[in-house]
Amino acid sequence: MSEKELYLHKLHTNDKGIEMKVSGEPAKLFMTLLIDFFEQNGGKNFLTLTVHNQEKKYGITIQDCNGLLSPAEKMQSMSEEIESLKQELARMKGEVG
């Protein structure tokens, strides 16, 4: 793998959004620029941007998660907990019936 190339290691789409893992110099550069933008503009907790192209509008949020779970990690944890509770409920229904 060349560090000068952008590599997509994981792309998972579901009803909650897209999870993506990338590596390589372009990914590092993009993240460095985004973090620098956050810090240079007084970002303390979060910074929200709106990005437009000719047809669509997007919101981008960068958040300081130092020591905390990111929103994506929280959603993953909640999804896992919901699945576990569903399985426990199904097991309990099986014992009653």
PDB file of N, CA and C in Angstrom:
ATOM      1  N   MET A   1       0.830  -1.187   0.000  1.00  0.00           N
ATOM      2  CA  MET A   1       0.000   0.000   0.000  1.00  0.00           C
ATOM      3  C   MET A   1       0.873   1.248   0.000  1.00  0.00           C
ATOM      4  N   SER A   2       0.562   2.168  -0.837  1.00  0.00           N
ATOM      5  CA  SER A   2       1.264   3.445  -0.873  1.00  0.00           C
ATOM      6  C   SER A   2       0.529   4.434   0.023  1.00  0.00           C
ATOM      7  N   GLU A   3       1.270   5.142   0.865  1.00  0.00           N
ATOM      8  CA  GLU A   3       0.662   6.136   1.752  1.00  0.00           C
ATOM      9  C   GLU A   3       0.091   7.315   0.974  1.00  0.00           C
ATOM     10  N   LYS A   4       0.486   7.452  -0.307  1.00  0.00           N
ATOM     11  CA  LYS A   4       0.017   8.579  -1.108  1.00  0.00           C
ATOM     12  C   LYS A   4      -1.364   8.329  -1.695  1.00  0.00           C
ATOM     13  N   GLU A   5      -1.893   7.144  -1.475  1.00  0.00           N
ATOM     14  CA  GLU A   5      -3.211   6.812  -2.000  1.00  0.00           C
ATOM     15  C   GLU A   5      -4.215   6.749  -0.864  1.00  0.00           C
ATOM     16  N   LEU A   6      -5.457   7.012  -1.191  1.00  0.00           N
ATOM     17  CA  LEU A   6      -6.538   6.935  -0.228  1.00  0.00           C
ATOM     18  C   LEU A   6      -7.140   5.539  -0.309  1.00  0.00           C
ATOM     19  N   TYR A   7      -7.203   4.845   0.813  1.00  0.00           N
ATOM     20  CA  TYR A   7      -7.744   3.498   0.844  1.00  0.00           C
ATOM     21  C   TYR A   7      -9.027   3.463   1.644  1.00  0.00           C
ATOM     22  N   LEU A   8     -10.034   2.840   1.082  1.00  0.00           N
ATOM     23  CA  LEU A   8     -11.296   2.632   1.764  1.00  0.00           C
ATOM     24  C   LEU A   8     -11.276   1.209   2.314  1.00  0.00           C
ATOM     25  N   HIS A   9     -11.189   1.081   3.626  1.00  0.00           N
ATOM     26  CA  HIS A   9     -11.111  -0.230   4.258  1.00  0.00           C
ATOM     27  C   HIS A   9     -12.473  -0.801   4.598  1.00  0.00           C
ATOM     28  N   LYS A  10     -13.412   0.075   4.903  1.00  0.00           N
ATOM     29  CA  LYS A  10     -14.730  -0.395   5.306  1.00  0.00           C
ATOM     30  C   LYS A  10     -15.752   0.652   4.920  1.00  0.00           C
ATOM     31  N   LEU A  11     -16.821   0.213   4.337  1.00  0.00           N
ATOM     32  CA  LEU A  11     -17.951   1.083   4.039  1.00  0.00           C
ATOM     33  C   LEU A  11     -19.204   0.291   4.338  1.00  0.00           C
ATOM     34  N   HIS A  12     -19.939   0.741   5.333  1.00  0.00           N
ATOM     35  CA  HIS A  12     -21.138   0.040   5.754  1.00  0.00           C
ATOM     36  C   HIS A  12     -22.281   1.041   5.787  1.00  0.00           C
ATOM     37  N   THR A  13     -23.325   0.766   5.060  1.00  0.00           N
ATOM     38  CA  THR A  13     -24.481   1.644   5.018  1.00  0.00           C
ATOM     39  C   THR A  13     -25.670   0.949   5.657  1.00  0.00           C
ATOM     40  N   ASN A  14     -26.362   1.687   6.519  1.00  0.00           N
ATOM     41  CA  ASN A  14     -27.601   1.170   7.097  1.00  0.00           C
ATOM     42  C   ASN A  14     -28.555   2.335   7.301  1.00  0.00           C
ATOM     43  N   ASP A  15     -29.671   2.104   7.976  1.00  0.00           N
ATOM     44  CA  ASP A  15     -30.663   3.166   8.147  1.00  0.00           C
ATOM     45  C   ASP A  15     -30.176   4.296   9.046  1.00  0.00           C
ATOM     46  N   LYS A  16     -29.058   4.106   9.732  1.00  0.00           N
ATOM     47  CA  LYS A  16     -28.510   5.131  10.617  1.00  0.00           C
ATOM     48  C   LYS A  16     -27.458   5.986   9.925  1.00  0.00           C
ATOM     49  N   GLY A  17     -26.984   5.574   8.757  1.00  0.00           N
ATOM     50  CA  GLY A  17     -25.977   6.351   8.055  1.00  0.00           C
ATOM     51  C   GLY A  17     -24.911   5.479   7.437  1.00  0.00           C
ATOM     52  N   ILE A  18     -23.739   6.051   7.261  1.00  0.00           N
ATOM     53  CA  ILE A  18     -22.622   5.369   6.622  1.00  0.00           C
ATOM     54  C   ILE A  18     -21.444   5.357   7.575  1.00  0.00           C
ATOM     55  N   GLU A  19     -20.863   4.185   7.750  1.00  0.00           N
ATOM     56  CA  GLU A  19     -19.635   4.068   8.522  1.00  0.00           C
ATOM     57  C   GLU A  19     -18.528   3.788   7.530  1.00  0.00           C
ATOM     58  N   MET A  20     -17.469   4.563   7.631  1.00  0.00           N
ATOM     59  CA  MET A  20     -16.395   4.440   6.668  1.00  0.00           C
ATOM     60  C   MET A  20     -15.058   4.513   7.393  1.00  0.00           C
ATOM     61  N   LYS A  21     -14.126   3.647   7.010  1.00  0.00           N
ATOM     62  CA  LYS A  21     -12.773   3.702   7.542  1.00  0.00           C
ATOM     63  C   LYS A  21     -11.816   3.842   6.368  1.00  0.00           C
ATOM     64  N   VAL A  22     -10.959   4.870   6.457  1.00  0.00           N
ATOM     65  CA  VAL A  22     -10.018   5.162   5.380  1.00  0.00           C
ATOM     66  C   VAL A  22      -8.618   5.327   5.956  1.00  0.00           C
ATOM     67  N   SER A  23      -7.610   5.206   5.094  1.00  0.00           N
ATOM     68  CA  SER A  23      -6.233   5.461   5.507  1.00  0.00           C
ATOM     69  C   SER A  23      -5.473   6.015   4.322  1.00  0.00           C
ATOM     70  N   GLY A  24      -4.235   6.401   4.561  1.00  0.00           N
ATOM     71  CA  GLY A  24      -3.396   6.968   3.520  1.00  0.00           C
ATOM     72  C   GLY A  24      -3.212   8.456   3.728  1.00  0.00           C
ATOM     73  N   GLU A  25      -2.259   9.026   3.029  1.00  0.00           N
ATOM     74  CA  GLU A  25      -1.925  10.443   3.174  1.00  0.00           C
ATOM     75  C   GLU A  25      -3.110  11.366   2.902  1.00  0.00           C
ATOM     76  N   PRO A  26      -3.923  11.137   1.845  1.00  0.00           N
ATOM     77  CA  PRO A  26      -5.062  12.043   1.613  1.00  0.00           C
ATOM     78  C   PRO A  26      -6.042  12.069   2.793  1.00  0.00           C
ATOM     79  N   ALA A  27      -6.286  10.916   3.412  1.00  0.00           N
ATOM     80  CA  ALA A  27      -7.188  10.863   4.560  1.00  0.00           C
ATOM     81  C   ALA A  27      -6.591  11.628   5.738  1.00  0.00           C
ATOM     82  N   LYS A  28      -5.298  11.440   5.991  1.00  0.00           N
ATOM     83  CA  LYS A  28      -4.629  12.157   7.084  1.00  0.00           C
ATOM     84  C   LYS A  28      -4.663  13.660   6.835  1.00  0.00           C
ATOM     85  N   LEU A  29      -4.413  14.076   5.603  1.00  0.00           N
ATOM     86  CA  LEU A  29      -4.427  15.491   5.257  1.00  0.00           C
ATOM     87  C   LEU A  29      -5.817  16.088   5.464  1.00  0.00           C
ATOM     88  N   PHE A  30      -6.842  15.401   4.991  1.00  0.00           N
ATOM     89  CA  PHE A  30      -8.212  15.886   5.157  1.00  0.00           C
ATOM     90  C   PHE A  30      -8.547  16.044   6.634  1.00  0.00           C
ATOM     91  N   MET A  31      -8.234  15.039   7.451  1.00  0.00           N
ATOM     92  CA  MET A  31      -8.543  15.105   8.874  1.00  0.00           C
ATOM     93  C   MET A  31      -7.752  16.214   9.557  1.00  0.00           C
ATOM     94  N   THR A  32      -6.489  16.380   9.188  1.00  0.00           N
ATOM     95  CA  THR A  32      -5.671  17.447   9.766  1.00  0.00           C
ATOM     96  C   THR A  32      -6.262  18.810   9.432  1.00  0.00           C
ATOM     97  N   LEU A  33      -6.662  19.008   8.190  1.00  0.00           N
ATOM     98  CA  LEU A  33      -7.270  20.279   7.782  1.00  0.00           C
ATOM     99  C   LEU A  33      -8.582  20.531   8.525  1.00  0.00           C
ATOM    100  N   LEU A  34      -9.398  19.508   8.671  1.00  0.00           N
ATOM    101  CA  LEU A  34     -10.670  19.654   9.360  1.00  0.00           C
ATOM    102  C   LEU A  34     -10.464  19.982  10.838  1.00  0.00           C
ATOM    103  N   ILE A  35      -9.533  19.287  11.493  1.00  0.00           N
ATOM    104  CA  ILE A  35      -9.245  19.550  12.904  1.00  0.00           C
ATOM    105  C   ILE A  35      -8.640  20.943  13.079  1.00  0.00           C
ATOM    106  N   ASP A  36      -7.712  21.332  12.202  1.00  0.00           N
ATOM    107  CA  ASP A  36      -7.129  22.675  12.275  1.00  0.00           C
ATOM    108  C   ASP A  36      -8.209  23.740  12.108  1.00  0.00           C
ATOM    109  N   PHE A  37      -9.122  23.532  11.160  1.00  0.00           N
ATOM    110  CA  PHE A  37     -10.221  24.468  10.946  1.00  0.00           C
ATOM    111  C   PHE A  37     -11.058  24.600  12.211  1.00  0.00           C
ATOM    112  N   PHE A  38     -11.355  23.469  12.836  1.00  0.00           N
ATOM    113  CA  PHE A  38     -12.128  23.428  14.084  1.00  0.00           C
ATOM    114  C   PHE A  38     -11.439  24.258  15.166  1.00  0.00           C
ATOM    115  N   GLU A  39     -10.162  23.990  15.392  1.00  0.00           N
ATOM    116  CA  GLU A  39      -9.430  24.650  16.473  1.00  0.00           C
ATOM    117  C   GLU A  39      -9.165  26.127  16.191  1.00  0.00           C
ATOM    118  N   GLN A  40      -8.844  26.476  14.949  1.00  0.00           N
ATOM    119  CA  GLN A  40      -8.540  27.865  14.594  1.00  0.00           C
ATOM    120  C   GLN A  40      -9.778  28.763  14.636  1.00  0.00           C
ATOM    121  N   ASN A  41     -10.956  28.157  14.562  1.00  0.00           N
ATOM    122  CA  ASN A  41     -12.194  28.929  14.599  1.00  0.00           C
ATOM    123  C   ASN A  41     -12.874  28.860  15.958  1.00  0.00           C
ATOM    124  N   GLY A  42     -12.084  28.550  16.989  1.00  0.00           N
ATOM    125  CA  GLY A  42     -12.595  28.588  18.354  1.00  0.00           C
ATOM    126  C   GLY A  42     -13.393  27.375  18.772  1.00  0.00           C
ATOM    127  N   GLY A  43     -13.271  26.277  18.047  1.00  0.00           N
ATOM    128  CA  GLY A  43     -14.019  25.074  18.403  1.00  0.00           C
ATOM    129  C   GLY A  43     -13.650  24.569  19.781  1.00  0.00           C
ATOM    130  N   LYS A  44     -14.635  24.428  20.639  1.00  0.00           N
ATOM    131  CA  LYS A  44     -14.415  23.894  21.983  1.00  0.00           C
ATOM    132  C   LYS A  44     -15.136  22.555  22.133  1.00  0.00           C
ATOM    133  N   ASN A  45     -16.404  22.526  21.823  1.00  0.00           N
ATOM    134  CA  ASN A  45     -17.206  21.312  21.950  1.00  0.00           C
ATOM    135  C   ASN A  45     -17.548  20.712  20.592  1.00  0.00           C
ATOM    136  N   PHE A  46     -18.061  21.549  19.700  1.00  0.00           N
ATOM    137  CA  PHE A  46     -18.383  21.073  18.358  1.00  0.00           C
ATOM    138  C   PHE A  46     -18.438  22.250  17.402  1.00  0.00           C
ATOM    139  N   LEU A  47     -18.341  21.943  16.129  1.00  0.00           N
ATOM    140  CA  LEU A  47     -18.440  22.919  15.061  1.00  0.00           C
ATOM    141  C   LEU A  47     -19.312  22.292  13.976  1.00  0.00           C
ATOM    142  N   THR A  48     -20.304  23.023  13.532  1.00  0.00           N
ATOM    143  CA  THR A  48     -21.204  22.518  12.507  1.00  0.00           C
ATOM    144  C   THR A  48     -21.107  23.393  11.272  1.00  0.00           C
ATOM    145  N   LEU A  49     -20.977  22.765  10.119  1.00  0.00           N
ATOM    146  CA  LEU A  49     -20.858  23.465   8.842  1.00  0.00           C
ATOM    147  C   LEU A  49     -21.971  23.006   7.916  1.00  0.00           C
ATOM    148  N   THR A  50     -22.351  23.873   6.996  1.00  0.00           N
ATOM    149  CA  THR A  50     -23.266  23.493   5.924  1.00  0.00           C
ATOM    150  C   THR A  50     -22.507  23.610   4.621  1.00  0.00           C
ATOM    151  N   VAL A  51     -22.531  22.542   3.841  1.00  0.00           N
ATOM    152  CA  VAL A  51     -21.823  22.501   2.566  1.00  0.00           C
ATOM    153  C   VAL A  51     -22.854  22.326   1.460  1.00  0.00           C
ATOM    154  N   HIS A  52     -22.749  23.177   0.439  1.00  0.00           N
ATOM    155  CA  HIS A  52     -23.688  23.123  -0.684  1.00  0.00           C
ATOM    156  C   HIS A  52     -22.951  22.743  -1.958  1.00  0.00           C
ATOM    157  N   ASN A  53     -23.610  21.972  -2.792  1.00  0.00           N
ATOM    158  CA  ASN A  53     -23.172  21.875  -4.169  1.00  0.00           C
ATOM    159  C   ASN A  53     -24.353  22.346  -5.010  1.00  0.00           C
ATOM    160  N   GLN A  54     -24.331  22.144  -6.286  1.00  0.00           N
ATOM    161  CA  GLN A  54     -25.391  22.699  -7.131  1.00  0.00           C
ATOM    162  C   GLN A  54     -26.763  22.123  -6.835  1.00  0.00           C
ATOM    163  N   GLU A  55     -26.820  20.873  -6.367  1.00  0.00           N
ATOM    164  CA  GLU A  55     -28.116  20.217  -6.206  1.00  0.00           C
ATOM    165  C   GLU A  55     -28.491  19.897  -4.767  1.00  0.00           C
ATOM    166  N   LYS A  56     -27.502  19.757  -3.872  1.00  0.00           N
ATOM    167  CA  LYS A  56     -27.789  19.281  -2.526  1.00  0.00           C
ATOM    168  C   LYS A  56     -27.107  20.123  -1.467  1.00  0.00           C
ATOM    169  N   LYS A  57     -27.562  19.941  -0.244  1.00  0.00           N
ATOM    170  CA  LYS A  57     -26.986  20.612   0.906  1.00  0.00           C
ATOM    171  C   LYS A  57     -26.657  19.546   1.950  1.00  0.00           C
ATOM    172  N   TYR A  58     -25.473  19.656   2.574  1.00  0.00           N
ATOM    173  CA  TYR A  58     -25.025  18.691   3.562  1.00  0.00           C
ATOM    174  C   TYR A  58     -24.616  19.402   4.843  1.00  0.00           C
ATOM    175  N   GLY A  59     -24.797  18.746   5.966  1.00  0.00           N
ATOM    176  CA  GLY A  59     -24.320  19.251   7.237  1.00  0.00           C
ATOM    177  C   GLY A  59     -23.149  18.396   7.704  1.00  0.00           C
ATOM    178  N   ILE A  60     -22.096  19.051   8.152  1.00  0.00           N
ATOM    179  CA  ILE A  60     -20.932  18.352   8.675  1.00  0.00           C
ATOM    180  C   ILE A  60     -20.715  18.843  10.100  1.00  0.00           C
ATOM    181  N   THR A  61     -20.571  17.924  11.041  1.00  0.00           N
ATOM    182  CA  THR A  61     -20.314  18.289  12.422  1.00  0.00           C
ATOM    183  C   THR A  61     -19.035  17.613  12.875  1.00  0.00           C
ATOM    184  N   ILE A  62     -18.145  18.391  13.477  1.00  0.00           N
ATOM    185  CA  ILE A  62     -16.944  17.840  14.090  1.00  0.00           C
ATOM    186  C   ILE A  62     -17.064  18.150  15.579  1.00  0.00           C
ATOM    187  N   GLN A  63     -16.789  17.150  16.406  1.00  0.00           N
ATOM    188  CA  GLN A  63     -16.986  17.274  17.835  1.00  0.00           C
ATOM    189  C   GLN A  63     -15.746  16.813  18.577  1.00  0.00           C
ATOM    190  N   ASP A  64     -15.378  17.521  19.624  1.00  0.00           N
ATOM    191  CA  ASP A  64     -14.277  17.104  20.480  1.00  0.00           C
ATOM    192  C   ASP A  64     -14.811  15.997  21.387  1.00  0.00           C
ATOM    193  N   CYS A  65     -14.374  14.778  21.159  1.00  0.00           N
ATOM    194  CA  CYS A  65     -14.839  13.616  21.926  1.00  0.00           C
ATOM    195  C   CYS A  65     -13.751  13.099  22.861  1.00  0.00           C
ATOM    196  N   ASN A  66     -12.816  13.955  23.211  1.00  0.00           N
ATOM    197  CA  ASN A  66     -11.694  13.555  24.041  1.00  0.00           C
ATOM    198  C   ASN A  66     -12.186  12.835  25.301  1.00  0.00           C
ATOM    199  N   GLY A  67     -11.952  11.537  25.370  1.00  0.00           N
ATOM    200  CA  GLY A  67     -12.342  10.742  26.526  1.00  0.00           C
ATOM    201  C   GLY A  67     -13.790  10.285  26.518  1.00  0.00           C
ATOM    202  N   LEU A  68     -14.554  10.689  25.518  1.00  0.00           N
ATOM    203  CA  LEU A  68     -15.960  10.316  25.440  1.00  0.00           C
ATOM    204  C   LEU A  68     -16.207   9.494  24.187  1.00  0.00           C
ATOM    205  N   LEU A  69     -17.323   8.797  24.176  1.00  0.00           N
ATOM    206  CA  LEU A  69     -17.714   8.086  22.959  1.00  0.00           C
ATOM    207  C   LEU A  69     -18.183   9.105  21.922  1.00  0.00           C
ATOM    208  N   SER A  70     -17.847   8.855  20.675  1.00  0.00           N
ATOM    209  CA  SER A  70     -18.356   9.700  19.600  1.00  0.00           C
ATOM    210  C   SER A  70     -19.834   9.383  19.384  1.00  0.00           C
ATOM    211  N   PRO A  71     -20.585  10.269  18.715  1.00  0.00           N
ATOM    212  CA  PRO A  71     -21.982   9.954  18.422  1.00  0.00           C
ATOM    213  C   PRO A  71     -22.136   8.619  17.679  1.00  0.00           C
ATOM    214  N   ALA A  72     -21.236   8.318  16.743  1.00  0.00           N
ATOM    215  CA  ALA A  72     -21.310   7.043  16.012  1.00  0.00           C
ATOM    216  C   ALA A  72     -21.081   5.863  16.953  1.00  0.00           C
ATOM    217  N   GLU A  73     -20.134   6.005  17.887  1.00  0.00           N
ATOM    218  CA  GLU A  73     -19.882   4.928  18.854  1.00  0.00           C
ATOM    219  C   GLU A  73     -21.068   4.752  19.796  1.00  0.00           C
ATOM    220  N   LYS A  74     -21.713   5.855  20.204  1.00  0.00           N
ATOM    221  CA  LYS A  74     -22.898   5.779  21.063  1.00  0.00           C
ATOM    222  C   LYS A  74     -24.032   5.048  20.349  1.00  0.00           C
ATOM    223  N   MET A  75     -24.246   5.390  19.062  1.00  0.00           N
ATOM    224  CA  MET A  75     -25.312   4.729  18.301  1.00  0.00           C
ATOM    225  C   MET A  75     -25.034   3.238  18.159  1.00  0.00           C
ATOM    226  N   GLN A  76     -23.767   2.879  17.919  1.00  0.00           N
ATOM    227  CA  GLN A  76     -23.409   1.467  17.802  1.00  0.00           C
ATOM    228  C   GLN A  76     -23.673   0.736  19.113  1.00  0.00           C
ATOM    229  N   SER A  77     -23.290   1.349  20.216  1.00  0.00           N
ATOM    230  CA  SER A  77     -23.508   0.759  21.532  1.00  0.00           C
ATOM    231  C   SER A  77     -25.003   0.582  21.807  1.00  0.00           C
ATOM    232  N   MET A  78     -25.792   1.597  21.473  1.00  0.00           N
ATOM    233  CA  MET A  78     -27.241   1.512  21.668  1.00  0.00           C
ATOM    234  C   MET A  78     -27.859   0.432  20.792  1.00  0.00           C
ATOM    235  N   SER A  79     -27.400   0.314  19.549  1.00  0.00           N
ATOM    236  CA  SER A  79     -27.909  -0.722  18.645  1.00  0.00           C
ATOM    237  C   SER A  79     -27.612  -2.106  19.200  1.00  0.00           C
ATOM    238  N   GLU A  80     -26.399  -2.282  19.724  1.00  0.00           N
ATOM    239  CA  GLU A  80     -26.036  -3.567  20.323  1.00  0.00           C
ATOM    240  C   GLU A  80     -26.886  -3.859  21.556  1.00  0.00           C
ATOM    241  N   GLU A  81     -27.143  -2.843  22.375  1.00  0.00           N
ATOM    242  CA  GLU A  81     -27.965  -3.025  23.567  1.00  0.00           C
ATOM    243  C   GLU A  81     -29.400  -3.376  23.185  1.00  0.00           C
ATOM    244  N   ILE A  82     -29.947  -2.706  22.171  1.00  0.00           N
ATOM    245  CA  ILE A  82     -31.304  -2.999  21.707  1.00  0.00           C
ATOM    246  C   ILE A  82     -31.402  -4.442  21.231  1.00  0.00           C
ATOM    247  N   GLU A  83     -30.406  -4.885  20.445  1.00  0.00           N
ATOM    248  CA  GLU A  83     -30.412  -6.265  19.950  1.00  0.00           C
ATOM    249  C   GLU A  83     -30.355  -7.254  21.107  1.00  0.00           C
ATOM    250  N   SER A  84     -29.529  -6.971  22.093  1.00  0.00           N
ATOM    251  CA  SER A  84     -29.416  -7.836  23.266  1.00  0.00           C
ATOM    252  C   SER A  84     -30.738  -7.899  24.030  1.00  0.00           C
ATOM    253  N   LEU A  85     -31.391  -6.755  24.178  1.00  0.00           N
ATOM    254  CA  LEU A  85     -32.681  -6.715  24.880  1.00  0.00           C
ATOM    255  C   LEU A  85     -33.762  -7.457  24.097  1.00  0.00           C
ATOM    256  N   LYS A  86     -33.735  -7.339  22.770  1.00  0.00           N
ATOM    257  CA  LYS A  86     -34.691  -8.088  21.939  1.00  0.00           C
ATOM    258  C   LYS A  86     -34.507  -9.586  22.135  1.00  0.00           C
ATOM    259  N   GLN A  87     -33.262 -10.037  22.162  1.00  0.00           N
ATOM    260  CA  GLN A  87     -32.979 -11.456  22.361  1.00  0.00           C
ATOM    261  C   GLN A  87     -33.421 -11.909  23.749  1.00  0.00           C
ATOM    262  N   GLU A  88     -33.184 -11.085  24.751  1.00  0.00           N
ATOM    263  CA  GLU A  88     -33.603 -11.418  26.122  1.00  0.00           C
ATOM    264  C   GLU A  88     -35.117 -11.483  26.210  1.00  0.00           C
ATOM    265  N   LEU A  89     -35.820 -10.546  25.571  1.00  0.00           N
ATOM    266  CA  LEU A  89     -37.284 -10.562  25.556  1.00  0.00           C
ATOM    267  C   LEU A  89     -37.807 -11.809  24.866  1.00  0.00           C
ATOM    268  N   ALA A  90     -37.216 -12.176  23.745  1.00  0.00           N
ATOM    269  CA  ALA A  90     -37.644 -13.387  23.037  1.00  0.00           C
ATOM    270  C   ALA A  90     -37.400 -14.614  23.900  1.00  0.00           C
ATOM    271  N   ARG A  91     -36.272 -14.666  24.612  1.00  0.00           N
ATOM    272  CA  ARG A  91     -35.995 -15.783  25.500  1.00  0.00           C
ATOM    273  C   ARG A  91     -37.009 -15.845  26.628  1.00  0.00           C
ATOM    274  N   MET A  92     -37.364 -14.683  27.198  1.00  0.00           N
ATOM    275  CA  MET A  92     -38.339 -14.644  28.291  1.00  0.00           C
ATOM    276  C   MET A  92     -39.723 -15.066  27.809  1.00  0.00           C
ATOM    277  N   LYS A  93     -40.096 -14.658  26.611  1.00  0.00           N
ATOM    278  CA  LYS A  93     -41.395 -15.061  26.059  1.00  0.00           C
ATOM    279  C   LYS A  93     -41.442 -16.562  25.858  1.00  0.00           C
ATOM    280  N   GLY A  94     -40.307 -17.133  25.441  1.00  0.00           N
ATOM    281  CA  GLY A  94     -40.214 -18.584  25.243  1.00  0.00           C
ATOM    282  C   GLY A  94     -40.376 -19.338  26.557  1.00  0.00           C
ATOM    283  N   GLU A  95     -39.898 -18.791  27.645  1.00  0.00           N
ATOM    284  CA  GLU A  95     -40.013 -19.447  28.946  1.00  0.00           C
ATOM    285  C   GLU A  95     -41.434 -19.380  29.471  1.00  0.00           C
ATOM    286  N   VAL A  96     -42.150 -18.293  29.161  1.00  0.00           N
ATOM    287  CA  VAL A  96     -43.524 -18.118  29.638  1.00  0.00           C
ATOM    288  C   VAL A  96     -44.481 -18.989  28.843  1.00  0.00           C
ATOM    289  N   GLY A  97     -44.271 -19.056  27.545  1.00  0.00           N
ATOM    290  CA  GLY A  97     -45.188 -19.756  26.648  1.00  0.00           C
ATOM    291  C   GLY A  97     -45.007 -21.180  26.655  1.00  0.00           C
TER     292      GLY A  97
END
